[in-house]
């Protein structure tokens, strides 16, 4: 599911249990967050995924929210290889 920035502001007093800062090719970052057990990707008002230029920019965006845990999820080297089988390895997560 997704939630746009304006809608997220209405949840300012709710607890975000986990904020995942997902690296997209190591250049841009998207925010995936969990409210009441439901996961959301942060979008703009046109439902396009909101991309940040750094992990710190994501953290700063969520500065006024109560976030219990923050993790950065970096890309793996084989994520973009064409024809590679889906690996069963667990995604690396770096607590912030």
C-alpha atoms as a PDB file:
ATOM      1  CA  UNK A   1       0.000   0.000   0.000  1.00  0.00           C
ATOM      2  CA  UNK A   2       1.022   3.620  -0.272  1.00  0.00           C
ATOM      3  CA  UNK A   3       0.327   6.836   1.596  1.00  0.00           C
ATOM      4  CA  UNK A   4       0.927  10.350   0.337  1.00  0.00           C
ATOM      5  CA  UNK A   5       2.671  13.009   2.381  1.00  0.00           C
ATOM      6  CA  UNK A   6      -0.509  14.934   3.205  1.00  0.00           C
ATOM      7  CA  UNK A   7      -2.239  11.842   4.541  1.00  0.00           C
ATOM      8  CA  UNK A   8       0.822  10.908   6.596  1.00  0.00           C
ATOM      9  CA  UNK A   9       0.647  14.274   8.372  1.00  0.00           C
ATOM     10  CA  UNK A  10      -2.728  13.253   9.804  1.00  0.00           C
ATOM     11  CA  UNK A  11      -0.891  10.407  11.615  1.00  0.00           C
ATOM     12  CA  UNK A  12       1.554  12.718  13.381  1.00  0.00           C
ATOM     13  CA  UNK A  13       0.564  11.408  16.821  1.00  0.00           C
ATOM     14  CA  UNK A  14       0.559   7.728  15.824  1.00  0.00           C
ATOM     15  CA  UNK A  15       3.563   5.476  16.335  1.00  0.00           C
ATOM     16  CA  UNK A  16       5.486   4.270  13.310  1.00  0.00           C
ATOM     17  CA  UNK A  17       6.811   0.899  14.442  1.00  0.00           C
ATOM     18  CA  UNK A  18       9.436   0.646  11.689  1.00  0.00           C
ATOM     19  CA  UNK A  19      10.815   3.034   9.093  1.00  0.00           C
ATOM     20  CA  UNK A  20      12.746   1.275   6.342  1.00  0.00           C
ATOM     21  CA  UNK A  21      15.027   3.481   4.261  1.00  0.00           C
ATOM     22  CA  UNK A  22      15.367   1.476   1.053  1.00  0.00           C
ATOM     23  CA  UNK A  23      18.335   2.220  -1.187  1.00  0.00           C
ATOM     24  CA  UNK A  24      17.458   2.298  -4.855  1.00  0.00           C
ATOM     25  CA  UNK A  25      20.697   1.692  -6.777  1.00  0.00           C
ATOM     26  CA  UNK A  26      22.600   3.465  -4.002  1.00  0.00           C
ATOM     27  CA  UNK A  27      21.625   6.865  -5.394  1.00  0.00           C
ATOM     28  CA  UNK A  28      18.062   7.435  -4.278  1.00  0.00           C
ATOM     29  CA  UNK A  29      16.146   6.281  -1.238  1.00  0.00           C
ATOM     30  CA  UNK A  30      12.488   5.549  -0.675  1.00  0.00           C
ATOM     31  CA  UNK A  31      10.648   5.342   2.640  1.00  0.00           C
ATOM     32  CA  UNK A  32       8.650   2.291   3.644  1.00  0.00           C
ATOM     33  CA  UNK A  33       6.958   2.532   7.028  1.00  0.00           C
ATOM     34  CA  UNK A  34       4.590   0.543   9.218  1.00  0.00           C
ATOM     35  CA  UNK A  35       1.549   1.951  11.051  1.00  0.00           C
ATOM     36  CA  UNK A  36      -0.690  -0.400  13.052  1.00  0.00           C
ATOM     37  CA  UNK A  37       0.942  -3.429  11.412  1.00  0.00           C
ATOM     38  CA  UNK A  38       0.249  -2.196   7.873  1.00  0.00           C
ATOM     39  CA  UNK A  39       3.137  -1.341   5.537  1.00  0.00           C
ATOM     40  CA  UNK A  40       3.135   1.762   3.342  1.00  0.00           C
ATOM     41  CA  UNK A  41       5.419   3.336   0.754  1.00  0.00           C
ATOM     42  CA  UNK A  42       5.576   7.132   0.951  1.00  0.00           C
ATOM     43  CA  UNK A  43       4.280   8.852  -2.195  1.00  0.00           C
ATOM     44  CA  UNK A  44       3.650  12.391  -3.353  1.00  0.00           C
ATOM     45  CA  UNK A  45       0.151  13.766  -3.942  1.00  0.00           C
ATOM     46  CA  UNK A  46       0.202  12.277  -7.490  1.00  0.00           C
ATOM     47  CA  UNK A  47       0.849   8.753  -6.109  1.00  0.00           C
ATOM     48  CA  UNK A  48       4.423   8.677  -7.373  1.00  0.00           C
ATOM     49  CA  UNK A  49       6.940   7.125  -4.989  1.00  0.00           C
ATOM     50  CA  UNK A  50       8.735   9.925  -3.180  1.00  0.00           C
ATOM     51  CA  UNK A  51      12.480   9.567  -3.743  1.00  0.00           C
ATOM     52  CA  UNK A  52      15.062  11.148  -1.450  1.00  0.00           C
ATOM     53  CA  UNK A  53      18.682  11.947  -2.306  1.00  0.00           C
ATOM     54  CA  UNK A  54      20.048  10.474   0.907  1.00  0.00           C
ATOM     55  CA  UNK A  55      19.178   8.373   3.928  1.00  0.00           C
ATOM     56  CA  UNK A  56      19.558  11.451   6.144  1.00  0.00           C
ATOM     57  CA  UNK A  57      16.898  13.243   4.079  1.00  0.00           C
ATOM     58  CA  UNK A  58      14.430  10.432   4.812  1.00  0.00           C
ATOM     59  CA  UNK A  59      15.263  10.531   8.508  1.00  0.00           C
ATOM     60  CA  UNK A  60      14.827  14.320   8.540  1.00  0.00           C
ATOM     61  CA  UNK A  61      11.425  14.048   6.799  1.00  0.00           C
ATOM     62  CA  UNK A  62      10.199  11.773   9.617  1.00  0.00           C
ATOM     63  CA  UNK A  63      11.794  13.922  12.346  1.00  0.00           C
ATOM     64  CA  UNK A  64       8.448  15.103  13.797  1.00  0.00           C
ATOM     65  CA  UNK A  65       6.954  11.593  13.935  1.00  0.00           C
ATOM     66  CA  UNK A  66       7.322   9.010  16.694  1.00  0.00           C
ATOM     67  CA  UNK A  67       9.412   6.283  15.020  1.00  0.00           C
ATOM     68  CA  UNK A  68      10.392   3.266  17.129  1.00  0.00           C
ATOM     69  CA  UNK A  69      12.947   1.675  14.774  1.00  0.00           C
ATOM     70  CA  UNK A  70      14.809   2.803  11.655  1.00  0.00           C
ATOM     71  CA  UNK A  71      16.624   0.440   9.297  1.00  0.00           C
ATOM     72  CA  UNK A  72      18.530   1.073   6.090  1.00  0.00           C
ATOM     73  CA  UNK A  73      18.140  -1.617   3.453  1.00  0.00           C
ATOM     74  CA  UNK A  74      21.046  -1.463   0.978  1.00  0.00           C
ATOM     75  CA  UNK A  75      20.848  -3.108  -2.455  1.00  0.00           C
ATOM     76  CA  UNK A  76      22.573  -6.416  -3.055  1.00  0.00           C
ATOM     77  CA  UNK A  77      24.977  -6.877  -5.939  1.00  0.00           C
ATOM     78  CA  UNK A  78      22.761  -9.403  -7.730  1.00  0.00           C
ATOM     79  CA  UNK A  79      19.462  -7.511  -7.429  1.00  0.00           C
ATOM     80  CA  UNK A  80      19.795  -6.033 -10.892  1.00  0.00           C
ATOM     81  CA  UNK A  81      21.364  -8.940 -12.787  1.00  0.00           C
ATOM     82  CA  UNK A  82      19.138 -10.111 -15.602  1.00  0.00           C
ATOM     83  CA  UNK A  83      18.303 -13.789 -15.523  1.00  0.00           C
ATOM     84  CA  UNK A  84      19.572 -14.391 -12.001  1.00  0.00           C
ATOM     85  CA  UNK A  85      17.375 -16.749  -9.986  1.00  0.00           C
ATOM     86  CA  UNK A  86      15.625 -15.333  -6.959  1.00  0.00           C
ATOM     87  CA  UNK A  87      17.898 -16.035  -4.016  1.00  0.00           C
ATOM     88  CA  UNK A  88      16.528 -17.187  -0.714  1.00  0.00           C
ATOM     89  CA  UNK A  89      19.053 -15.131   1.228  1.00  0.00           C
ATOM     90  CA  UNK A  90      17.709 -12.655   3.732  1.00  0.00           C
ATOM     91  CA  UNK A  91      17.853  -8.942   2.924  1.00  0.00           C
ATOM     92  CA  UNK A  92      20.592  -7.099   4.796  1.00  0.00           C
ATOM     93  CA  UNK A  93      19.241  -4.545   7.272  1.00  0.00           C
ATOM     94  CA  UNK A  94      21.339  -1.920   9.028  1.00  0.00           C
ATOM     95  CA  UNK A  95      19.786  -0.424  12.193  1.00  0.00           C
ATOM     96  CA  UNK A  96      20.108   3.350  12.373  1.00  0.00           C
END
